[in-house]
Amino acid sequence: MSKWHCVLDASALLKKYREETGSDLIKALFNRTDCAIHILNVTIPEVTGAFVRWRLSNDIQPTDRERLKDLLVADIRDYNVVVHNITHRNIVKTDDVWTKSITVKPSSQPELEKRIDCPLCKKSFVLKTKPMKLRVGPIDILVLSVCLELRASYGNNVYLFSSDGHMLKVANKLNIKTCDPEATTQLPF
């Protein structure tokens, strides 16, 4: 049984397949025998899409794209990463994440007004709302929900690996331990 449970977002996982800032830390993580590395199923198309973008921008050769894709498939097939499918448990936990990730802008900013016509009665009315700022995107919300799910099962031995500053801030609000592979050279455990 693994002592540490590490959830990687797409940007952190990509560091395993291409040399960039933080790659050494992610490779060290994969070499640990006491860690389970977790990704979401929706991370897979994000990663393979990056391989395609790298190829189309001539950052890599066509054969490199196939090799990288084969490495990802091998990591999944050989259980080097645990792939999580989105379930009802994650959807329920997204409410906690959304609450921490969306902030209402200060009251000093004016309310937004939008004129809406009712499709049934055809009356027009004004909808007033306060401006809101979304901190992370929907896939990141799901990644964080998996962190919460794993923490419920494994306690405080769960870490989120990401270099997304907004995602790290939301994770900290949720008391999820984090590691930014671009900001450190050592694993946090």
C-alpha atoms as a PDB file:
ATOM      1  CA  MET A   1       0.000   0.000   0.000  1.00  0.00           C
ATOM      2  CA  SER A   2       1.239   3.471  -0.874  1.00  0.00           C
ATOM      3  CA  LYS A   3       2.067   5.918   1.847  1.00  0.00           C
ATOM      4  CA  TRP A   4       1.665   9.043  -0.315  1.00  0.00           C
ATOM      5  CA  HIS A   5      -1.057   9.820  -2.835  1.00  0.00           C
ATOM      6  CA  CYS A   6      -0.079  12.411  -5.414  1.00  0.00           C
ATOM      7  CA  VAL A   7      -2.613  13.936  -7.810  1.00  0.00           C
ATOM      8  CA  LEU A   8      -1.064  15.452 -10.921  1.00  0.00           C
ATOM      9  CA  ASP A   9      -2.768  17.940 -13.195  1.00  0.00           C
ATOM     10  CA  ALA A  10      -1.939  17.820 -16.910  1.00  0.00           C
ATOM     11  CA  SER A  11       0.888  20.360 -16.712  1.00  0.00           C
ATOM     12  CA  ALA A  12       2.596  18.402 -13.939  1.00  0.00           C
ATOM     13  CA  LEU A  13       2.215  15.090 -15.773  1.00  0.00           C
ATOM     14  CA  LEU A  14       3.607  16.569 -18.992  1.00  0.00           C
ATOM     15  CA  LYS A  15       6.862  17.303 -17.172  1.00  0.00           C
ATOM     16  CA  LYS A  16       7.540  13.549 -17.179  1.00  0.00           C
ATOM     17  CA  TYR A  17       7.463  13.432 -20.969  1.00  0.00           C
ATOM     18  CA  ARG A  18       9.407  16.570 -21.894  1.00  0.00           C
ATOM     19  CA  GLU A  19      12.318  18.326 -20.222  1.00  0.00           C
ATOM     20  CA  GLU A  20      11.238  21.593 -18.683  1.00  0.00           C
ATOM     21  CA  THR A  21      11.358  23.298 -15.308  1.00  0.00           C
ATOM     22  CA  GLY A  22      10.124  20.778 -12.747  1.00  0.00           C
ATOM     23  CA  SER A  23      10.794  17.646 -14.817  1.00  0.00           C
ATOM     24  CA  ASP A  24      13.426  16.335 -12.415  1.00  0.00           C
ATOM     25  CA  LEU A  25      10.998  16.554  -9.494  1.00  0.00           C
ATOM     26  CA  ILE A  26       8.233  14.725 -11.382  1.00  0.00           C
ATOM     27  CA  LYS A  27      10.661  12.025 -12.506  1.00  0.00           C
ATOM     28  CA  ALA A  28      11.817  11.628  -8.889  1.00  0.00           C
ATOM     29  CA  LEU A  29       8.174  11.237  -7.883  1.00  0.00           C
ATOM     30  CA  PHE A  30       7.684   8.459 -10.452  1.00  0.00           C
ATOM     31  CA  ASN A  31      10.784   6.695  -9.094  1.00  0.00           C
ATOM     32  CA  ARG A  32       9.382   6.536  -5.558  1.00  0.00           C
ATOM     33  CA  THR A  33       7.970   3.155  -4.562  1.00  0.00           C
ATOM     34  CA  ASP A  34       5.943   4.575  -1.672  1.00  0.00           C
ATOM     35  CA  CYS A  35       3.804   6.872  -3.848  1.00  0.00           C
ATOM     36  CA  ALA A  36       0.627   6.330  -5.818  1.00  0.00           C
ATOM     37  CA  ILE A  37       0.327   8.808  -8.667  1.00  0.00           C
ATOM     38  CA  HIS A  38      -3.228   9.747  -9.591  1.00  0.00           C
ATOM     39  CA  ILE A  39      -4.632  11.474 -12.689  1.00  0.00           C
ATOM     40  CA  LEU A  40      -8.158  12.053 -13.965  1.00  0.00           C
ATOM     41  CA  ASN A  41      -9.402  10.390 -17.113  1.00  0.00           C
ATOM     42  CA  VAL A  42      -9.978  13.879 -18.574  1.00  0.00           C
ATOM     43  CA  THR A  43      -6.260  14.569 -18.128  1.00  0.00           C
ATOM     44  CA  ILE A  44      -5.444  12.024 -20.829  1.00  0.00           C
ATOM     45  CA  PRO A  45      -6.817  14.068 -23.768  1.00  0.00           C
ATOM     46  CA  GLU A  46      -5.167  17.186 -22.317  1.00  0.00           C
ATOM     47  CA  VAL A  47      -1.804  15.393 -22.384  1.00  0.00           C
ATOM     48  CA  THR A  48      -2.219  13.791 -25.816  1.00  0.00           C
ATOM     49  CA  GLY A  49      -3.416  17.176 -27.101  1.00  0.00           C
ATOM     50  CA  ALA A  50      -0.164  18.714 -25.850  1.00  0.00           C
ATOM     51  CA  PHE A  51       1.771  16.058 -27.780  1.00  0.00           C
ATOM     52  CA  VAL A  52      -0.121  17.079 -30.928  1.00  0.00           C
ATOM     53  CA  ARG A  53       0.489  20.805 -30.276  1.00  0.00           C
ATOM     54  CA  TRP A  54       4.203  20.144 -29.763  1.00  0.00           C
ATOM     55  CA  ARG A  55       4.304  18.270 -33.060  1.00  0.00           C
ATOM     56  CA  LEU A  56       2.332  20.883 -34.992  1.00  0.00           C
ATOM     57  CA  SER A  57       4.588  23.656 -33.688  1.00  0.00           C
ATOM     58  CA  ASN A  58       7.644  21.577 -34.689  1.00  0.00           C
ATOM     59  CA  ASP A  59       8.834  21.317 -31.091  1.00  0.00           C
ATOM     60  CA  ILE A  60       9.036  17.550 -31.594  1.00  0.00           C
ATOM     61  CA  GLN A  61       9.262  15.159 -34.553  1.00  0.00           C
ATOM     62  CA  PRO A  62       6.371  12.901 -35.655  1.00  0.00           C
ATOM     63  CA  THR A  63       8.181   9.858 -34.259  1.00  0.00           C
ATOM     64  CA  ASP A  64       8.618  11.657 -30.907  1.00  0.00           C
ATOM     65  CA  ARG A  65       4.868  12.236 -30.707  1.00  0.00           C
ATOM     66  CA  GLU A  66       4.210   8.517 -31.190  1.00  0.00           C
ATOM     67  CA  ARG A  67       6.918   7.622 -28.649  1.00  0.00           C
ATOM     68  CA  LEU A  68       5.453  10.010 -26.060  1.00  0.00           C
ATOM     69  CA  LYS A  69       1.962   8.651 -26.621  1.00  0.00           C
ATOM     70  CA  ASP A  70       3.332   5.097 -26.189  1.00  0.00           C
ATOM     71  CA  LEU A  71       5.026   6.136 -22.924  1.00  0.00           C
ATOM     72  CA  LEU A  72       1.746   7.565 -21.605  1.00  0.00           C
ATOM     73  CA  VAL A  73      -0.129   4.401 -22.583  1.00  0.00           C
ATOM     74  CA  ALA A  74       2.549   2.270 -20.896  1.00  0.00           C
ATOM     75  CA  ASP A  75       2.337   4.351 -17.704  1.00  0.00           C
ATOM     76  CA  ILE A  76      -1.413   3.750 -17.617  1.00  0.00           C
ATOM     77  CA  ARG A  77      -1.252   0.084 -18.623  1.00  0.00           C
ATOM     78  CA  ASP A  78       1.543  -0.678 -16.127  1.00  0.00           C
ATOM     79  CA  TYR A  79      -0.280   1.198 -13.326  1.00  0.00           C
ATOM     80  CA  ASN A  80       2.462   3.782 -12.929  1.00  0.00           C
ATOM     81  CA  VAL A  81      -0.490   6.154 -12.714  1.00  0.00           C
ATOM     82  CA  VAL A  82      -3.937   5.479 -11.301  1.00  0.00           C
ATOM     83  CA  VAL A  83      -6.616   6.835 -13.623  1.00  0.00           C
ATOM     84  CA  HIS A  84      -9.751   8.147 -11.897  1.00  0.00           C
ATOM     85  CA  ASN A  85     -13.061   8.174 -13.682  1.00  0.00           C
ATOM     86  CA  ILE A  86     -15.386  10.994 -12.701  1.00  0.00           C
ATOM     87  CA  THR A  87     -18.191   9.687 -10.494  1.00  0.00           C
ATOM     88  CA  HIS A  88     -21.065  11.051  -8.446  1.00  0.00           C
ATOM     89  CA  ARG A  89     -18.647  11.445  -5.498  1.00  0.00           C
ATOM     90  CA  ASN A  90     -16.582  13.922  -7.492  1.00  0.00           C
ATOM     91  CA  ILE A  91     -19.633  15.847  -8.625  1.00  0.00           C
ATOM     92  CA  VAL A  92     -20.801  16.200  -5.026  1.00  0.00           C
ATOM     93  CA  LYS A  93     -17.332  17.400  -3.951  1.00  0.00           C
ATOM     94  CA  THR A  94     -17.225  20.013  -6.722  1.00  0.00           C
ATOM     95  CA  ASP A  95     -19.606  22.187  -4.694  1.00  0.00           C
ATOM     96  CA  ASP A  96     -16.900  22.599  -2.044  1.00  0.00           C
ATOM     97  CA  VAL A  97     -14.330  23.450  -4.707  1.00  0.00           C
ATOM     98  CA  TRP A  98     -16.567  25.892  -6.604  1.00  0.00           C
ATOM     99  CA  THR A  99     -17.334  27.701  -3.339  1.00  0.00           C
ATOM    100  CA  LYS A 100     -13.619  28.231  -2.687  1.00  0.00           C
ATOM    101  CA  SER A 101     -12.690  28.987  -6.288  1.00  0.00           C
ATOM    102  CA  ILE A 102     -15.198  31.698  -7.188  1.00  0.00           C
ATOM    103  CA  THR A 103     -14.928  35.014  -5.459  1.00  0.00           C
ATOM    104  CA  VAL A 104     -17.230  37.985  -5.694  1.00  0.00           C
ATOM    105  CA  LYS A 105     -15.323  41.097  -6.641  1.00  0.00           C
ATOM    106  CA  PRO A 106     -15.255  43.891  -4.030  1.00  0.00           C
ATOM    107  CA  SER A 107     -18.425  45.854  -3.453  1.00  0.00           C
ATOM    108  CA  SER A 108     -16.686  48.992  -4.698  1.00  0.00           C
ATOM    109  CA  GLN A 109     -17.183  47.669  -8.220  1.00  0.00           C
ATOM    110  CA  PRO A 110     -20.574  48.422  -9.745  1.00  0.00           C
ATOM    111  CA  GLU A 111     -23.169  45.726 -10.195  1.00  0.00           C
ATOM    112  CA  LEU A 112     -23.534  44.372 -13.691  1.00  0.00           C
ATOM    113  CA  GLU A 113     -26.847  45.026 -15.376  1.00  0.00           C
ATOM    114  CA  LYS A 114     -28.178  42.875 -18.165  1.00  0.00           C
ATOM    115  CA  ARG A 115     -31.510  43.352 -19.937  1.00  0.00           C
ATOM    116  CA  ILE A 116     -33.361  40.065 -20.402  1.00  0.00           C
ATOM    117  CA  ASP A 117     -36.538  39.377 -22.353  1.00  0.00           C
ATOM    118  CA  CYS A 118     -38.722  36.619 -20.961  1.00  0.00           C
ATOM    119  CA  PRO A 119     -39.315  34.040 -23.710  1.00  0.00           C
ATOM    120  CA  LEU A 120     -42.779  33.201 -22.304  1.00  0.00           C
ATOM    121  CA  CYS A 121     -44.385  36.521 -21.397  1.00  0.00           C
ATOM    122  CA  LYS A 122     -42.156  38.708 -23.606  1.00  0.00           C
ATOM    123  CA  LYS A 123     -41.670  41.213 -20.759  1.00  0.00           C
ATOM    124  CA  SER A 124     -38.277  42.825 -20.414  1.00  0.00           C
ATOM    125  CA  PHE A 125     -36.471  43.130 -17.080  1.00  0.00           C
ATOM    126  CA  VAL A 126     -33.041  44.020 -15.741  1.00  0.00           C
ATOM    127  CA  LEU A 127     -30.932  41.399 -14.005  1.00  0.00           C
ATOM    128  CA  LYS A 128     -28.369  42.826 -11.575  1.00  0.00           C
ATOM    129  CA  THR A 129     -25.400  40.736 -10.491  1.00  0.00           C
ATOM    130  CA  LYS A 130     -22.128  41.323  -8.742  1.00  0.00           C
ATOM    131  CA  PRO A 131     -19.029  40.655 -10.852  1.00  0.00           C
ATOM    132  CA  MET A 132     -17.430  37.313 -10.030  1.00  0.00           C
ATOM    133  CA  LYS A 133     -13.990  36.008 -10.714  1.00  0.00           C
ATOM    134  CA  LEU A 134     -13.457  32.351 -11.551  1.00  0.00           C
ATOM    135  CA  ARG A 135     -10.176  31.137 -10.142  1.00  0.00           C
ATOM    136  CA  VAL A 136      -9.848  27.767 -11.893  1.00  0.00           C
ATOM    137  CA  GLY A 137     -11.469  25.973 -14.799  1.00  0.00           C
ATOM    138  CA  PRO A 138     -13.868  23.016 -14.796  1.00  0.00           C
ATOM    139  CA  ILE A 139     -11.210  20.333 -15.296  1.00  0.00           C
ATOM    140  CA  ASP A 140      -9.168  21.785 -12.452  1.00  0.00           C
ATOM    141  CA  ILE A 141     -12.299  21.717 -10.299  1.00  0.00           C
ATOM    142  CA  LEU A 142     -12.537  17.979 -10.971  1.00  0.00           C
ATOM    143  CA  VAL A 143      -8.831  17.468 -10.193  1.00  0.00           C
ATOM    144  CA  LEU A 144      -9.357  19.196  -6.851  1.00  0.00           C
ATOM    145  CA  SER A 145     -12.469  17.104  -6.184  1.00  0.00           C
ATOM    146  CA  VAL A 146     -10.352  13.959  -6.600  1.00  0.00           C
ATOM    147  CA  CYS A 147      -7.876  15.386  -4.083  1.00  0.00           C
ATOM    148  CA  LEU A 148     -10.750  15.830  -1.627  1.00  0.00           C
ATOM    149  CA  GLU A 149     -12.003  12.295  -2.305  1.00  0.00           C
ATOM    150  CA  LEU A 150      -8.544  10.802  -1.758  1.00  0.00           C
ATOM    151  CA  ARG A 151      -8.032  12.851   1.388  1.00  0.00           C
ATOM    152  CA  ALA A 152     -11.276  11.430   2.781  1.00  0.00           C
ATOM    153  CA  SER A 153      -9.805   7.944   2.252  1.00  0.00           C
ATOM    154  CA  TYR A 154      -6.105   8.485   2.977  1.00  0.00           C
ATOM    155  CA  GLY A 155      -5.999  11.468   5.307  1.00  0.00           C
ATOM    156  CA  ASN A 156      -3.263  14.069   5.056  1.00  0.00           C
ATOM    157  CA  ASN A 157      -0.998  11.958   2.837  1.00  0.00           C
ATOM    158  CA  VAL A 158      -2.505  13.486  -0.309  1.00  0.00           C
ATOM    159  CA  TYR A 159      -0.692  16.108  -2.382  1.00  0.00           C
ATOM    160  CA  LEU A 160      -1.679  18.083  -5.452  1.00  0.00           C
ATOM    161  CA  PHE A 161       1.151  18.603  -7.948  1.00  0.00           C
ATOM    162  CA  SER A 162       0.517  21.634 -10.147  1.00  0.00           C
ATOM    163  CA  SER A 163       2.194  24.827 -11.311  1.00  0.00           C
ATOM    164  CA  ASP A 164      -1.104  26.647 -11.786  1.00  0.00           C
ATOM    165  CA  GLY A 165      -1.024  29.474  -9.250  1.00  0.00           C
ATOM    166  CA  HIS A 166      -4.799  29.869  -9.080  1.00  0.00           C
ATOM    167  CA  MET A 167      -5.303  26.136  -8.608  1.00  0.00           C
ATOM    168  CA  LEU A 168      -2.700  26.069  -5.839  1.00  0.00           C
ATOM    169  CA  LYS A 169      -4.475  28.958  -4.054  1.00  0.00           C
ATOM    170  CA  VAL A 170      -7.813  27.146  -4.171  1.00  0.00           C
ATOM    171  CA  ALA A 171      -6.154  23.929  -2.981  1.00  0.00           C
ATOM    172  CA  ASN A 172      -4.688  25.808  -0.032  1.00  0.00           C
ATOM    173  CA  LYS A 173      -8.146  27.198   0.829  1.00  0.00           C
ATOM    174  CA  LEU A 174      -9.378  23.588   0.833  1.00  0.00           C
ATOM    175  CA  ASN A 175      -6.454  22.520   3.068  1.00  0.00           C
ATOM    176  CA  ILE A 176      -5.055  20.287   0.343  1.00  0.00           C
ATOM    177  CA  LYS A 177      -1.285  19.908   0.516  1.00  0.00           C
ATOM    178  CA  THR A 178       0.438  21.123  -2.630  1.00  0.00           C
ATOM    179  CA  CYS A 179       3.699  20.942  -4.490  1.00  0.00           C
ATOM    180  CA  ASP A 180       4.625  23.258  -7.355  1.00  0.00           C
ATOM    181  CA  PRO A 181       7.267  21.369  -9.384  1.00  0.00           C
ATOM    182  CA  GLU A 182       8.427  24.638 -10.946  1.00  0.00           C
ATOM    183  CA  ALA A 183       9.060  26.266  -7.574  1.00  0.00           C
ATOM    184  CA  THR A 184      10.969  23.529  -5.713  1.00  0.00           C
ATOM    185  CA  THR A 185      13.583  20.894  -6.390  1.00  0.00           C
ATOM    186  CA  GLN A 186      12.636  18.515  -3.557  1.00  0.00           C
ATOM    187  CA  LEU A 187       9.583  16.415  -2.913  1.00  0.00           C
ATOM    188  CA  PRO A 188       7.620  17.604   0.141  1.00  0.00           C
ATOM    189  CA  PHE A 189       7.762  14.213   1.868  1.00  0.00           C
END
